[in-house]
Amino acid sequence: ARIPAGETFTSDAIDIPVPASAPDHVILKLAVDNIYYHQGQTTQVRMDGLATTHPVTLIDTAYYGEVTSILPQSSSGDQDIVITGRAIERATGAFLTDVPLKLVITLDGFEREYNVFTDDAGTFSYIFKPFSGEAGIYTVRAVHPDLTDRPVHGQFVINRVSIRPKSIAVTEPKSIT
């Protein structure tokens, strides 16, 4: 950020992912490595930055999600993948009805999120339709909508062979004698 002399700066809100394994009480530290005057110019001056800390108390969500089944585990891409799971109350271990979860399906670092709700039995079912020509090892997670930590609950594989371009011209020289 470039801040004119005598002015102040307030950044936009920043989301900070916190792993589920973090303790209930943490300390948030903000550190600015360096402060520059005339940055990038021959008259540049660099000072050590500033740092501050703030204690934060983390609260667990009331429930969490889990994937219980992925069928089929392996496909050639010609059939849908059925993913089932449930929402579990942290305090009692009971299945929760009519609560939202985020179903996250990842392939090669790219995530797709789907909003699912549990039914009267506390379970959900989602039918995943792979895109045409898509293949690889997919990871699956079912998480509380407020969480950013996404532990892997399962995986499935789409095995496909594709050739691009779809057509090719082959020329063979012919000898005339």
C-alpha atoms as a PDB file:
ATOM      1  CA  ALA A   1       0.000   0.000   0.000  1.00  0.00           C
ATOM      2  CA  ARG A   2       1.221   3.478  -0.792  1.00  0.00           C
ATOM      3  CA  ILE A   3       0.332   5.876   2.011  1.00  0.00           C
ATOM      4  CA  PRO A   4       0.830   9.639   1.515  1.00  0.00           C
ATOM      5  CA  ALA A   5       2.550  11.617   4.292  1.00  0.00           C
ATOM      6  CA  GLY A   6       0.250  12.403   7.204  1.00  0.00           C
ATOM      7  CA  GLU A   7      -2.390   9.897   6.054  1.00  0.00           C
ATOM      8  CA  THR A   8      -3.608   6.609   7.519  1.00  0.00           C
ATOM      9  CA  PHE A   9      -4.409   3.294   5.882  1.00  0.00           C
ATOM     10  CA  THR A  10      -7.028   0.696   6.768  1.00  0.00           C
ATOM     11  CA  SER A  11      -6.926  -2.548   4.813  1.00  0.00           C
ATOM     12  CA  ASP A  12      -9.944  -4.529   3.705  1.00  0.00           C
ATOM     13  CA  ALA A  13     -10.975  -7.434   5.922  1.00  0.00           C
ATOM     14  CA  ILE A  14      -8.666 -10.439   5.598  1.00  0.00           C
ATOM     15  CA  ASP A  15      -9.826 -14.026   6.018  1.00  0.00           C
ATOM     16  CA  ILE A  16      -7.234 -16.115   7.831  1.00  0.00           C
ATOM     17  CA  PRO A  17      -7.608 -19.890   7.545  1.00  0.00           C
ATOM     18  CA  VAL A  18      -7.086 -21.656  10.871  1.00  0.00           C
ATOM     19  CA  PRO A  19      -6.431 -25.414  10.966  1.00  0.00           C
ATOM     20  CA  ALA A  20      -8.909 -27.516  12.922  1.00  0.00           C
ATOM     21  CA  SER A  21      -6.021 -28.755  15.104  1.00  0.00           C
ATOM     22  CA  ALA A  22      -5.279 -25.240  16.448  1.00  0.00           C
ATOM     23  CA  PRO A  23      -5.770 -24.743  20.219  1.00  0.00           C
ATOM     24  CA  ASP A  24      -8.801 -22.826  21.558  1.00  0.00           C
ATOM     25  CA  HIS A  25      -6.673 -19.792  22.455  1.00  0.00           C
ATOM     26  CA  VAL A  26      -4.277 -18.445  19.855  1.00  0.00           C
ATOM     27  CA  ILE A  27      -2.374 -15.234  19.322  1.00  0.00           C
ATOM     28  CA  LEU A  28      -2.759 -13.485  15.996  1.00  0.00           C
ATOM     29  CA  LYS A  29       0.376 -11.644  14.910  1.00  0.00           C
ATOM     30  CA  LEU A  30       0.496  -9.017  12.181  1.00  0.00           C
ATOM     31  CA  ALA A  31       3.943  -8.105  10.937  1.00  0.00           C
ATOM     32  CA  VAL A  32       4.981  -5.578   8.296  1.00  0.00           C
ATOM     33  CA  ASP A  33       8.466  -6.625   7.205  1.00  0.00           C
ATOM     34  CA  ASN A  34       9.694  -3.292   5.883  1.00  0.00           C
ATOM     35  CA  ILE A  35       8.590   0.307   5.424  1.00  0.00           C
ATOM     36  CA  TYR A  36       9.997   2.182   2.440  1.00  0.00           C
ATOM     37  CA  TYR A  37      10.405   5.831   1.520  1.00  0.00           C
ATOM     38  CA  HIS A  38      10.857   6.469  -2.213  1.00  0.00           C
ATOM     39  CA  GLN A  39      10.731   2.730  -2.946  1.00  0.00           C
ATOM     40  CA  GLY A  40      12.458   1.797  -6.193  1.00  0.00           C
ATOM     41  CA  GLN A  41      14.189   5.167  -6.536  1.00  0.00           C
ATOM     42  CA  THR A  42      17.851   6.050  -5.998  1.00  0.00           C
ATOM     43  CA  THR A  43      16.820   7.893  -2.795  1.00  0.00           C
ATOM     44  CA  GLN A  44      15.092   4.803  -1.345  1.00  0.00           C
ATOM     45  CA  VAL A  45      15.185   4.432   2.425  1.00  0.00           C
ATOM     46  CA  ARG A  46      14.166   1.167   4.156  1.00  0.00           C
ATOM     47  CA  MET A  47      13.159   0.827   7.810  1.00  0.00           C
ATOM     48  CA  ASP A  48      12.339  -2.297   9.750  1.00  0.00           C
ATOM     49  CA  GLY A  49       8.599  -2.828   9.858  1.00  0.00           C
ATOM     50  CA  LEU A  50       6.147  -2.937  12.710  1.00  0.00           C
ATOM     51  CA  ALA A  51       4.436  -5.858  14.431  1.00  0.00           C
ATOM     52  CA  THR A  52       1.510  -6.292  16.765  1.00  0.00           C
ATOM     53  CA  THR A  53      -0.278  -9.223  18.402  1.00  0.00           C
ATOM     54  CA  HIS A  54      -3.867  -9.869  19.446  1.00  0.00           C
ATOM     55  CA  PRO A  55      -5.238 -12.818  21.457  1.00  0.00           C
ATOM     56  CA  VAL A  56      -8.076 -14.725  19.766  1.00  0.00           C
ATOM     57  CA  THR A  57     -10.379 -17.410  21.157  1.00  0.00           C
ATOM     58  CA  LEU A  58     -11.504 -20.020  18.630  1.00  0.00           C
ATOM     59  CA  ILE A  59     -14.879 -21.700  18.852  1.00  0.00           C
ATOM     60  CA  ASP A  60     -15.699 -25.127  17.410  1.00  0.00           C
ATOM     61  CA  THR A  61     -18.726 -25.437  15.180  1.00  0.00           C
ATOM     62  CA  ALA A  62     -21.716 -27.233  16.657  1.00  0.00           C
ATOM     63  CA  TYR A  63     -21.414 -30.013  14.077  1.00  0.00           C
ATOM     64  CA  TYR A  64     -19.132 -31.392  11.406  1.00  0.00           C
ATOM     65  CA  GLY A  65     -19.528 -33.385   8.218  1.00  0.00           C
ATOM     66  CA  GLU A  66     -18.171 -36.706   7.075  1.00  0.00           C
ATOM     67  CA  VAL A  67     -18.312 -38.687   3.853  1.00  0.00           C
ATOM     68  CA  THR A  68     -19.492 -42.251   4.400  1.00  0.00           C
ATOM     69  CA  SER A  69     -19.564 -43.649   0.868  1.00  0.00           C
ATOM     70  CA  ILE A  70     -18.312 -42.903  -2.651  1.00  0.00           C
ATOM     71  CA  LEU A  71     -19.616 -45.235  -5.374  1.00  0.00           C
ATOM     72  CA  PRO A  72     -18.127 -46.267  -7.648  1.00  0.00           C
ATOM     73  CA  GLN A  73     -14.575 -45.738  -6.421  1.00  0.00           C
ATOM     74  CA  SER A  74     -13.291 -46.045  -9.979  1.00  0.00           C
ATOM     75  CA  SER A  75     -15.044 -45.189 -13.220  1.00  0.00           C
ATOM     76  CA  SER A  76     -14.220 -44.678 -16.869  1.00  0.00           C
ATOM     77  CA  GLY A  77     -16.254 -41.473 -16.728  1.00  0.00           C
ATOM     78  CA  ASP A  78     -19.381 -42.953 -18.251  1.00  0.00           C
ATOM     79  CA  GLN A  79     -21.321 -43.131 -14.977  1.00  0.00           C
ATOM     80  CA  ASP A  80     -22.235 -40.750 -12.185  1.00  0.00           C
ATOM     81  CA  ILE A  81     -20.436 -40.846  -8.830  1.00  0.00           C
ATOM     82  CA  VAL A  82     -22.768 -41.054  -5.812  1.00  0.00           C
ATOM     83  CA  ILE A  83     -21.343 -39.417  -2.672  1.00  0.00           C
ATOM     84  CA  THR A  84     -23.117 -39.905   0.649  1.00  0.00           C
ATOM     85  CA  GLY A  85     -22.348 -38.599   4.094  1.00  0.00           C
ATOM     86  CA  ARG A  86     -23.779 -37.132   7.258  1.00  0.00           C
ATOM     87  CA  ALA A  87     -23.644 -34.248   9.720  1.00  0.00           C
ATOM     88  CA  ILE A  88     -22.640 -35.128  13.279  1.00  0.00           C
ATOM     89  CA  GLU A  89     -23.234 -33.020  16.375  1.00  0.00           C
ATOM     90  CA  ARG A  90     -19.922 -32.505  18.215  1.00  0.00           C
ATOM     91  CA  ALA A  91     -21.366 -32.646  21.732  1.00  0.00           C
ATOM     92  CA  THR A  92     -23.454 -35.813  21.405  1.00  0.00           C
ATOM     93  CA  GLY A  93     -22.346 -37.612  18.229  1.00  0.00           C
ATOM     94  CA  ALA A  94     -25.956 -37.591  17.021  1.00  0.00           C
ATOM     95  CA  PHE A  95     -26.783 -37.190  13.339  1.00  0.00           C
ATOM     96  CA  LEU A  96     -28.280 -33.758  12.640  1.00  0.00           C
ATOM     97  CA  THR A  97     -31.230 -33.221  10.315  1.00  0.00           C
ATOM     98  CA  ASP A  98     -31.775 -30.307   7.924  1.00  0.00           C
ATOM     99  CA  VAL A  99     -28.350 -28.706   8.325  1.00  0.00           C
ATOM    100  CA  PRO A 100     -26.082 -27.395   5.558  1.00  0.00           C
ATOM    101  CA  LEU A 101     -22.698 -28.800   4.584  1.00  0.00           C
ATOM    102  CA  LYS A 102     -20.261 -27.895   1.851  1.00  0.00           C
ATOM    103  CA  LEU A 103     -19.263 -30.789  -0.341  1.00  0.00           C
ATOM    104  CA  VAL A 104     -15.831 -30.005  -1.799  1.00  0.00           C
ATOM    105  CA  ILE A 105     -14.503 -32.057  -4.717  1.00  0.00           C
ATOM    106  CA  THR A 106     -10.929 -31.356  -5.800  1.00  0.00           C
ATOM    107  CA  LEU A 107      -9.048 -32.371  -8.943  1.00  0.00           C
ATOM    108  CA  ASP A 108      -5.472 -31.233  -9.604  1.00  0.00           C
ATOM    109  CA  GLY A 109      -5.755 -28.389  -7.086  1.00  0.00           C
ATOM    110  CA  PHE A 110      -9.033 -27.030  -8.480  1.00  0.00           C
ATOM    111  CA  GLU A 111     -11.998 -27.115  -6.108  1.00  0.00           C
ATOM    112  CA  ARG A 112     -15.693 -27.354  -6.809  1.00  0.00           C
ATOM    113  CA  GLU A 113     -18.065 -26.583  -3.938  1.00  0.00           C
ATOM    114  CA  TYR A 114     -21.616 -27.859  -3.707  1.00  0.00           C
ATOM    115  CA  ASN A 115     -24.105 -26.919  -0.996  1.00  0.00           C
ATOM    116  CA  VAL A 116     -25.890 -29.964   0.411  1.00  0.00           C
ATOM    117  CA  PHE A 117     -28.413 -30.372   3.230  1.00  0.00           C
ATOM    118  CA  THR A 118     -28.967 -33.390   5.418  1.00  0.00           C
ATOM    119  CA  ASP A 119     -32.308 -35.173   5.286  1.00  0.00           C
ATOM    120  CA  ASP A 120     -34.572 -36.404   8.095  1.00  0.00           C
ATOM    121  CA  ALA A 121     -32.039 -39.124   8.951  1.00  0.00           C
ATOM    122  CA  GLY A 122     -29.118 -36.662   9.131  1.00  0.00           C
ATOM    123  CA  THR A 123     -27.561 -37.911   5.886  1.00  0.00           C
ATOM    124  CA  PHE A 124     -27.023 -36.427   2.435  1.00  0.00           C
ATOM    125  CA  SER A 125     -26.504 -37.836  -1.020  1.00  0.00           C
ATOM    126  CA  TYR A 126     -25.006 -36.026  -4.001  1.00  0.00           C
ATOM    127  CA  ILE A 127     -24.634 -37.206  -7.590  1.00  0.00           C
ATOM    128  CA  PHE A 128     -21.406 -35.954  -9.177  1.00  0.00           C
ATOM    129  CA  LYS A 129     -21.348 -35.860 -12.976  1.00  0.00           C
ATOM    130  CA  PRO A 130     -17.789 -35.587 -14.329  1.00  0.00           C
ATOM    131  CA  PHE A 131     -17.246 -33.239 -17.257  1.00  0.00           C
ATOM    132  CA  SER A 132     -16.586 -34.754 -20.669  1.00  0.00           C
ATOM    133  CA  GLY A 133     -12.906 -35.575 -21.107  1.00  0.00           C
ATOM    134  CA  GLU A 134     -12.119 -35.028 -17.425  1.00  0.00           C
ATOM    135  CA  ALA A 135      -9.992 -37.622 -15.633  1.00  0.00           C
ATOM    136  CA  GLY A 136      -7.792 -38.091 -12.578  1.00  0.00           C
ATOM    137  CA  ILE A 137      -7.856 -38.714  -8.834  1.00  0.00           C
ATOM    138  CA  TYR A 138     -10.554 -36.668  -7.106  1.00  0.00           C
ATOM    139  CA  THR A 139     -10.569 -35.922  -3.363  1.00  0.00           C
ATOM    140  CA  VAL A 140     -13.829 -35.429  -1.462  1.00  0.00           C
ATOM    141  CA  ARG A 141     -14.633 -33.494   1.707  1.00  0.00           C
ATOM    142  CA  ALA A 142     -17.849 -32.658   3.570  1.00  0.00           C
ATOM    143  CA  VAL A 143     -17.359 -29.680   5.873  1.00  0.00           C
ATOM    144  CA  HIS A 144     -19.318 -27.247   8.007  1.00  0.00           C
ATOM    145  CA  PRO A 145     -20.039 -24.137   5.885  1.00  0.00           C
ATOM    146  CA  ASP A 146     -18.145 -21.867   8.314  1.00  0.00           C
ATOM    147  CA  LEU A 147     -14.900 -23.855   8.212  1.00  0.00           C
ATOM    148  CA  THR A 148     -12.002 -23.274   5.849  1.00  0.00           C
ATOM    149  CA  ASP A 149      -9.991 -26.310   6.998  1.00  0.00           C
ATOM    150  CA  ARG A 150     -10.821 -29.152   4.655  1.00  0.00           C
ATOM    151  CA  PRO A 151      -9.602 -32.598   5.702  1.00  0.00           C
ATOM    152  CA  VAL A 152      -9.913 -35.246   2.989  1.00  0.00           C
ATOM    153  CA  HIS A 153     -12.676 -37.789   3.665  1.00  0.00           C
ATOM    154  CA  GLY A 154     -12.318 -39.944   0.577  1.00  0.00           C
ATOM    155  CA  GLN A 155     -11.401 -40.164  -3.077  1.00  0.00           C
ATOM    156  CA  PHE A 156     -12.430 -41.645  -6.389  1.00  0.00           C
ATOM    157  CA  VAL A 157     -10.790 -42.075  -9.777  1.00  0.00           C
ATOM    158  CA  ILE A 158     -12.023 -41.292 -13.275  1.00  0.00           C
ATOM    159  CA  ASN A 159      -9.927 -43.280 -15.777  1.00  0.00           C
ATOM    160  CA  ARG A 160     -10.171 -41.987 -19.313  1.00  0.00           C
ATOM    161  CA  VAL A 161      -7.957 -41.994 -22.316  1.00  0.00           C
ATOM    162  CA  SER A 162      -8.380 -39.111 -24.700  1.00  0.00           C
ATOM    163  CA  ILE A 163      -6.509 -38.196 -27.823  1.00  0.00           C
ATOM    164  CA  ARG A 164      -6.195 -34.637 -29.028  1.00  0.00           C
ATOM    165  CA  PRO A 165      -6.593 -33.543 -31.737  1.00  0.00           C
ATOM    166  CA  LYS A 166      -9.453 -35.862 -32.530  1.00  0.00           C
ATOM    167  CA  SER A 167      -8.314 -36.244 -36.132  1.00  0.00           C
ATOM    168  CA  ILE A 168      -4.890 -36.390 -37.669  1.00  0.00           C
ATOM    169  CA  ALA A 169      -3.686 -36.385 -41.256  1.00  0.00           C
ATOM    170  CA  VAL A 170      -0.936 -38.841 -42.170  1.00  0.00           C
ATOM    171  CA  THR A 171       0.959 -38.458 -45.417  1.00  0.00           C
ATOM    172  CA  GLU A 172       3.099 -41.272 -46.740  1.00  0.00           C
ATOM    173  CA  PRO A 173       5.525 -40.698 -49.612  1.00  0.00           C
ATOM    174  CA  LYS A 174       5.136 -43.087 -52.491  1.00  0.00           C
ATOM    175  CA  SER A 175       7.962 -44.263 -54.686  1.00  0.00           C
ATOM    176  CA  ILE A 176       7.236 -44.322 -58.438  1.00  0.00           C
ATOM    177  CA  THR A 177       9.363 -46.804 -60.451  1.00  0.00           C
END
